C-alpha atoms as a PDB file:
ATOM      1  CA  MET A   1     -53.797-151.056 101.612  1.00  0.00           C
ATOM      2  CA  ARG A   2     -53.641-147.265 102.035  1.00  0.00           C
ATOM      3  CA  TRP A   3     -54.497-146.530  98.406  1.00  0.00           C
ATOM      4  CA  PHE A   4     -57.429-148.977  98.167  1.00  0.00           C
ATOM      5  CA  PRO A   5     -58.810-149.385 101.692  1.00  0.00           C
ATOM      6  CA  ASP A   6     -62.034-151.026 100.451  1.00  0.00           C
ATOM      7  CA  ARG A   7     -60.279-153.761  98.468  1.00  0.00           C
ATOM      8  CA  LYS A   8     -58.793-157.042  99.545  1.00  0.00           C
ATOM      9  CA  SER A   9     -55.481-157.703  97.796  1.00  0.00           C
ATOM     10  CA  VAL A  10     -53.839-161.026  97.047  1.00  0.00           C
ATOM     11  CA  PHE A  11     -50.042-160.866  97.171  1.00  0.00           C
ATOM     12  CA  ALA A  12     -48.424-163.780  95.299  1.00  0.00           C
ATOM     13  CA  GLY A  13     -44.681-164.249  95.637  1.00  0.00           C
ATOM     14  CA  ASP A  14     -41.986-166.872  95.375  1.00  0.00           C
ATOM     15  CA  GLY A  15     -40.055-168.424  98.260  1.00  0.00           C
ATOM     16  CA  ALA A  16     -38.233-165.181  99.079  1.00  0.00           C
ATOM     17  CA  TYR A  17     -41.507-163.808 100.482  1.00  0.00           C
ATOM     18  CA  CYS A  18     -42.259-166.813 102.675  1.00  0.00           C
ATOM     19  CA  THR A  19     -41.314-165.228 105.974  1.00  0.00           C
ATOM     20  CA  HIS A  20     -42.775-165.464 109.446  1.00  0.00           C
ATOM     21  CA  ARG A  21     -42.913-161.669 109.647  1.00  0.00           C
ATOM     22  CA  LEU A  22     -44.909-161.226 106.408  1.00  0.00           C
ATOM     23  CA  THR A  23     -47.256-164.079 107.371  1.00  0.00           C
ATOM     24  CA  ARG A  24     -47.917-162.436 110.752  1.00  0.00           C
ATOM     25  CA  PHE A  25     -48.581-159.109 109.033  1.00  0.00           C
ATOM     26  CA  ALA A  26     -51.069-160.732 106.629  1.00  0.00           C
ATOM     27  CA  GLN A  27     -52.825-162.461 109.527  1.00  0.00           C
ATOM     28  CA  ARG A  28     -53.205-159.164 111.377  1.00  0.00           C
ATOM     29  CA  HIS A  29     -54.661-157.522 108.243  1.00  0.00           C
ATOM     30  CA  ARG A  30     -56.550-160.530 106.884  1.00  0.00           C
ATOM     31  CA  SER A  31     -59.597-158.444 105.952  1.00  0.00           C
ATOM     32  CA  LYS A  32     -57.452-156.481 103.459  1.00  0.00           C
ATOM     33  CA  LEU A  33     -54.541-158.755 102.497  1.00  0.00           C
ATOM     34  CA  CYS A  34     -53.898-162.372 101.585  1.00  0.00           C
ATOM     35  CA  VAL A  35     -50.422-163.784 100.944  1.00  0.00           C
ATOM     36  CA  VAL A  36     -49.838-166.784  98.666  1.00  0.00           C
ATOM     37  CA  SER A  37     -46.246-167.945  98.395  1.00  0.00           C
ATOM     38  CA  LYS A  38     -44.013-170.947  98.078  1.00  0.00           C
ATOM     39  CA  PHE A  39     -43.591-172.720 101.407  1.00  0.00           C
ATOM     40  CA  TYR A  40     -41.015-175.027 102.978  1.00  0.00           C
ATOM     41  CA  SER A  41     -41.931-178.669 102.399  1.00  0.00           C
ATOM     42  CA  ASP A  42     -39.927-179.556 105.526  1.00  0.00           C
ATOM     43  CA  ALA A  43     -41.446-176.779 107.667  1.00  0.00           C
ATOM     44  CA  VAL A  44     -41.617-177.356 111.420  1.00  0.00           C
ATOM     45  CA  LEU A  45     -45.236-176.711 112.425  1.00  0.00           C
ATOM     46  CA  HIS A  46     -47.022-177.109 115.744  1.00  0.00           C
ATOM     47  CA  GLN A  47     -50.432-177.351 117.305  1.00  0.00           C
ATOM     48  CA  LEU A  48     -51.683-174.554 119.533  1.00  0.00           C
ATOM     49  CA  PRO A  49     -50.362-174.781 123.096  1.00  0.00           C
ATOM     50  CA  PRO A  50     -52.652-176.519 125.595  1.00  0.00           C
ATOM     51  CA  ARG A  51     -54.733-174.370 127.922  1.00  0.00           C
ATOM     52  CA  ARG A  52     -53.265-173.714 131.331  1.00  0.00           C
ATOM     53  CA  ARG A  53     -54.634-176.150 133.895  1.00  0.00           C
ATOM     54  CA  LYS A  54     -55.903-174.988 137.252  1.00  0.00           C
ATOM     55  CA  GLY A  55     -53.086-175.117 139.776  1.00  0.00           C
ATOM     56  CA  GLN A  56     -50.408-175.536 137.098  1.00  0.00           C
ATOM     57  CA  LYS A  57     -47.020-174.148 138.081  1.00  0.00           C
ATOM     58  CA  GLY A  58     -44.431-172.585 135.831  1.00  0.00           C
ATOM     59  CA  ARG A  59     -44.841-170.551 132.711  1.00  0.00           C
ATOM     60  CA  ASN A  60     -47.302-171.278 129.921  1.00  0.00           C
ATOM     61  CA  LYS A  61     -46.212-173.352 126.944  1.00  0.00           C
ATOM     62  CA  VAL A  62     -45.626-171.226 123.870  1.00  0.00           C
ATOM     63  CA  ARG A  63     -46.377-173.997 121.360  1.00  0.00           C
ATOM     64  CA  GLY A  64     -48.154-177.336 121.243  1.00  0.00           C
ATOM     65  CA  ASN A  65     -47.116-180.717 119.904  1.00  0.00           C
ATOM     66  CA  ARG A  66     -45.151-180.900 116.696  1.00  0.00           C
ATOM     67  CA  LEU A  67     -47.103-181.730 113.522  1.00  0.00           C
ATOM     68  CA  PRO A  68     -45.865-183.771 110.543  1.00  0.00           C
ATOM     69  CA  THR A  69     -44.093-181.725 107.847  1.00  0.00           C
ATOM     70  CA  PRO A  70     -45.883-181.154 104.513  1.00  0.00           C
ATOM     71  CA  ASP A  71     -43.498-183.705 102.934  1.00  0.00           C
ATOM     72  CA  GLN A  72     -44.419-186.318 105.538  1.00  0.00           C
ATOM     73  CA  VAL A  73     -48.148-185.685 105.053  1.00  0.00           C
ATOM     74  CA  ALA A  74     -47.758-185.909 101.260  1.00  0.00           C
ATOM     75  CA  GLN A  75     -45.883-189.212 101.470  1.00  0.00           C
ATOM     76  CA  SER A  76     -48.253-190.871 103.925  1.00  0.00           C
ATOM     77  CA  SER A  77     -51.669-189.557 102.866  1.00  0.00           C
ATOM     78  CA  LYS A  78     -53.939-191.289 100.387  1.00  0.00           C
ATOM     79  CA  ARG A  79     -56.656-188.594 100.463  1.00  0.00           C
ATOM     80  CA  TRP A  80     -55.619-186.307  97.608  1.00  0.00           C
ATOM     81  CA  LYS A  81     -58.049-184.038  95.799  1.00  0.00           C
ATOM     82  CA  LYS A  82     -57.875-183.890  91.988  1.00  0.00           C
ATOM     83  CA  LEU A  83     -58.284-180.501  90.260  1.00  0.00           C
ATOM     84  CA  VAL A  84     -57.970-178.926  86.817  1.00  0.00           C
ATOM     85  CA  VAL A  85     -56.320-175.498  87.127  1.00  0.00           C
ATOM     86  CA  GLY A  86     -54.979-172.719  84.932  1.00  0.00           C
ATOM     87  CA  TRP A  87     -51.261-173.297  84.439  1.00  0.00           C
ATOM     88  CA  TYR A  88     -48.046-171.654  83.263  1.00  0.00           C
ATOM     89  CA  GLY A  89     -48.270-170.477  79.644  1.00  0.00           C
ATOM     90  CA  GLY A  90     -52.064-170.122  79.649  1.00  0.00           C
ATOM     91  CA  GLY A  91     -53.022-173.791  79.435  1.00  0.00           C
ATOM     92  CA  GLN A  92     -54.688-176.066  81.931  1.00  0.00           C
ATOM     93  CA  ARG A  93     -53.195-178.836  84.016  1.00  0.00           C
ATOM     94  CA  HIS A  94     -54.488-181.847  85.945  1.00  0.00           C
ATOM     95  CA  ILE A  95     -53.083-181.779  89.474  1.00  0.00           C
ATOM     96  CA  GLU A  96     -53.773-183.297  92.852  1.00  0.00           C
ATOM     97  CA  VAL A  97     -53.542-181.397  96.118  1.00  0.00           C
ATOM     98  CA  ILE A  98     -53.578-181.987  99.839  1.00  0.00           C
ATOM     99  CA  SER A  99     -53.919-179.230 102.430  1.00  0.00           C
ATOM    100  CA  ARG A 100     -53.525-178.822 106.195  1.00  0.00           C
ATOM    101  CA  VAL A 101     -53.276-176.120 108.865  1.00  0.00           C
ATOM    102  CA  GLY A 102     -50.439-175.704 111.355  1.00  0.00           C
ATOM    103  CA  HIS A 103     -48.788-173.027 113.467  1.00  0.00           C
ATOM    104  CA  TRP A 104     -45.367-171.673 112.542  1.00  0.00           C
ATOM    105  CA  TYR A 105     -43.169-170.689 115.482  1.00  0.00           C
ATOM    106  CA  ARG A 106     -40.322-168.192 115.651  1.00  0.00           C
ATOM    107  CA  GLN A 107     -38.613-167.513 118.954  1.00  0.00           C
ATOM    108  CA  GLY A 108     -39.535-164.115 120.280  1.00  0.00           C
ATOM    109  CA  HIS A 109     -42.380-163.729 117.782  1.00  0.00           C
ATOM    110  CA  GLY A 110     -44.704-166.547 118.794  1.00  0.00           C
ATOM    111  CA  LEU A 111     -47.017-168.628 116.650  1.00  0.00           C
ATOM    112  CA  VAL A 112     -48.692-167.681 113.387  1.00  0.00           C
ATOM    113  CA  GLN A 113     -51.323-169.841 111.747  1.00  0.00           C
ATOM    114  CA  VAL A 114     -50.283-171.205 108.356  1.00  0.00           C
ATOM    115  CA  ARG A 115     -52.430-172.979 105.812  1.00  0.00           C
ATOM    116  CA  TRP A 116     -50.409-174.971 103.315  1.00  0.00           C
ATOM    117  CA  VAL A 117     -51.248-176.899 100.179  1.00  0.00           C
ATOM    118  CA  TYR A 118     -49.011-179.520  98.567  1.00  0.00           C
ATOM    119  CA  VAL A 119     -49.367-179.582  94.768  1.00  0.00           C
ATOM    120  CA  ARG A 120     -48.504-182.581  92.589  1.00  0.00           C
ATOM    121  CA  ASP A 121     -48.582-182.318  88.779  1.00  0.00           C
ATOM    122  CA  LEU A 122     -50.242-185.471  87.409  1.00  0.00           C
ATOM    123  CA  THR A 123     -48.483-185.187  84.034  1.00  0.00           C
ATOM    124  CA  GLY A 124     -45.154-185.485  85.834  1.00  0.00           C
ATOM    125  CA  SER A 125     -43.497-182.606  83.965  1.00  0.00           C
ATOM    126  CA  HIS A 126     -43.456-180.131  86.867  1.00  0.00           C
ATOM    127  CA  ARG A 127     -41.873-180.635  90.268  1.00  0.00           C
ATOM    128  CA  ASP A 128     -44.008-180.947  93.382  1.00  0.00           C
ATOM    129  CA  GLU A 129     -44.629-177.606  95.105  1.00  0.00           C
ATOM    130  CA  CYS A 130     -45.663-176.671  98.612  1.00  0.00           C
ATOM    131  CA  LEU A 131     -47.557-173.370  98.860  1.00  0.00           C
ATOM    132  CA  MET A 132     -48.648-171.288 101.833  1.00  0.00           C
ATOM    133  CA  TYR A 133     -51.726-169.042 102.014  1.00  0.00           C
ATOM    134  CA  THR A 134     -53.304-166.878 104.682  1.00  0.00           C
ATOM    135  CA  ASP A 135     -56.956-166.622 103.556  1.00  0.00           C
ATOM    136  CA  GLU A 136     -59.165-169.468 104.735  1.00  0.00           C
ATOM    137  CA  MET A 137     -61.922-168.412 102.297  1.00  0.00           C
ATOM    138  CA  MET A 138     -59.833-169.091  99.173  1.00  0.00           C
ATOM    139  CA  SER A 139     -60.460-172.368  97.372  1.00  0.00           C
ATOM    140  CA  LEU A 140     -57.538-174.658  96.589  1.00  0.00           C
ATOM    141  CA  ARG A 141     -57.957-173.871  92.871  1.00  0.00           C
ATOM    142  CA  GLU A 142     -57.740-170.114  93.554  1.00  0.00           C
ATOM    143  CA  ILE A 143     -54.582-170.595  95.624  1.00  0.00           C
ATOM    144  CA  VAL A 144     -52.756-172.565  92.926  1.00  0.00           C
ATOM    145  CA  GLU A 145     -53.896-170.215  90.154  1.00  0.00           C
ATOM    146  CA  SER A 146     -52.855-167.135  92.172  1.00  0.00           C
ATOM    147  CA  PHE A 147     -49.357-168.540  92.587  1.00  0.00           C
ATOM    148  CA  VAL A 148     -49.075-169.630  88.946  1.00  0.00           C
ATOM    149  CA  GLY A 149     -50.472-166.264  87.773  1.00  0.00           C
ATOM    150  CA  ARG A 150     -47.502-164.346  89.140  1.00  0.00           C
ATOM    151  CA  TRP A 151     -45.351-165.910  86.406  1.00  0.00           C
ATOM    152  CA  ASP A 152     -46.928-163.712  83.689  1.00  0.00           C
ATOM    153  CA  ILE A 153     -45.800-160.619  85.601  1.00  0.00           C
ATOM    154  CA  GLU A 154     -42.238-161.945  85.929  1.00  0.00           C
ATOM    155  CA  VAL A 155     -42.127-162.713  82.187  1.00  0.00           C
ATOM    156  CA  MET A 156     -43.364-159.191  81.417  1.00  0.00           C
ATOM    157  CA  TYR A 157     -40.540-157.604  83.428  1.00  0.00           C
ATOM    158  CA  GLU A 158     -37.951-159.854  81.779  1.00  0.00           C
ATOM    159  CA  GLU A 159     -39.216-159.007  78.262  1.00  0.00           C
ATOM    160  CA  MET A 160     -39.286-155.296  79.064  1.00  0.00           C
ATOM    161  CA  ARG A 161     -35.677-155.434  80.271  1.00  0.00           C
ATOM    162  CA  GLU A 162     -34.558-157.355  77.200  1.00  0.00           C
ATOM    163  CA  HIS A 163     -36.442-155.512  74.448  1.00  0.00           C
ATOM    164  CA  LEU A 164     -37.326-152.053  75.786  1.00  0.00           C
ATOM    165  CA  GLY A 165     -34.396-151.266  78.078  1.00  0.00           C
ATOM    166  CA  LEU A 166     -36.308-151.124  81.356  1.00  0.00           C
ATOM    167  CA  GLU A 167     -33.922-150.134  84.192  1.00  0.00           C
ATOM    168  CA  LYS A 168     -31.139-149.417  81.662  1.00  0.00           C
ATOM    169  CA  ASN A 169     -31.747-145.753  80.899  1.00  0.00           C
ATOM    170  CA  ARG A 170     -29.261-143.212  82.194  1.00  0.00           C
ATOM    171  CA  GLY A 171     -31.687-140.796  83.745  1.00  0.00           C
ATOM    172  CA  ARG A 172     -30.291-139.642  87.065  1.00  0.00           C
ATOM    173  CA  CYS A 173     -32.966-137.256  88.236  1.00  0.00           C
ATOM    174  CA  LYS A 174     -36.266-138.225  89.786  1.00  0.00           C
ATOM    175  CA  GLN A 175     -38.441-136.603  87.110  1.00  0.00           C
ATOM    176  CA  THR A 176     -36.670-138.507  84.311  1.00  0.00           C
ATOM    177  CA  VAL A 177     -37.360-141.828  85.991  1.00  0.00           C
ATOM    178  CA  LEU A 178     -40.985-140.842  86.665  1.00  0.00           C
ATOM    179  CA  ARG A 179     -41.440-140.038  82.953  1.00  0.00           C
ATOM    180  CA  VAL A 180     -39.488-142.817  81.236  1.00  0.00           C
ATOM    181  CA  GLU A 181     -40.563-145.927  83.178  1.00  0.00           C
ATOM    182  CA  PRO A 182     -44.350-145.358  82.797  1.00  0.00           C
ATOM    183  CA  CYS A 183     -43.809-144.666  79.074  1.00  0.00           C
ATOM    184  CA  LEU A 184     -42.009-148.011  78.705  1.00  0.00           C
ATOM    185  CA  PHE A 185     -44.840-149.832  80.498  1.00  0.00           C
ATOM    186  CA  GLY A 186     -47.347-148.093  78.205  1.00  0.00           C
ATOM    187  CA  LEU A 187     -45.290-149.009  75.139  1.00  0.00           C
ATOM    188  CA  TYR A 188     -45.128-152.658  76.208  1.00  0.00           C
ATOM    189  CA  SER A 189     -48.913-152.723  76.711  1.00  0.00           C
ATOM    190  CA  LEU A 190     -49.451-151.160  73.271  1.00  0.00           C
ATOM    191  CA  ILE A 191     -47.175-153.707  71.560  1.00  0.00           C
ATOM    192  CA  ALA A 192     -48.920-156.599  73.319  1.00  0.00           C
ATOM    193  CA  LEU A 193     -52.319-155.206  72.259  1.00  0.00           C
ATOM    194  CA  TRP A 194     -51.202-154.804  68.617  1.00  0.00           C
ATOM    195  CA  PHE A 195     -49.819-158.337  68.597  1.00  0.00           C
ATOM    196  CA  ALA A 196     -53.106-159.723  69.952  1.00  0.00           C
ATOM    197  CA  CYS A 197     -55.347-157.717  67.578  1.00  0.00           C
ATOM    198  CA  LEU A 198     -53.508-157.589  64.264  1.00  0.00           C
ATOM    199  CA  PRO A 199     -53.852-160.526  61.845  1.00  0.00           C
END
């Protein structure tokens, strides 16, 4: 956000990044950052608290009524939307999705609005996934493809570790690391380009 203040970034991560703190941060900076990550299918979500009535005594409620979990909505709903999206490995996949909005509560940190989408693979070869996103302008297709797209980056790091020795060199000084790692990334890019272009 500091380096590219005029851009809006989409951060896609697995379940380790599905935290109340990161979601709150993305909500505060929603003009510059969107988070897409795996979400809890049994998440406890709430409505907003009711407005304080005139003459009401006691403190304000911090959260509203409890909402059904994504799993419960998926099991009971018959209004699924069918999509064709880009999928793992570069192909396309027929899926159906259902999406809702709720508020995630953490004691001492309050409510944060969460939009979630439940994804079901119609071929039956991939498990059902529940995803969370913070940008209300993103389409459901963009959300699923953003999450799936992170897999190419993970594969790249794994291949670089296995074949080019990323993170295995013995350089102990800062300048060595700053020289070697970018060279390995450049080498990987060059090999991928040769593989794509050569007959």
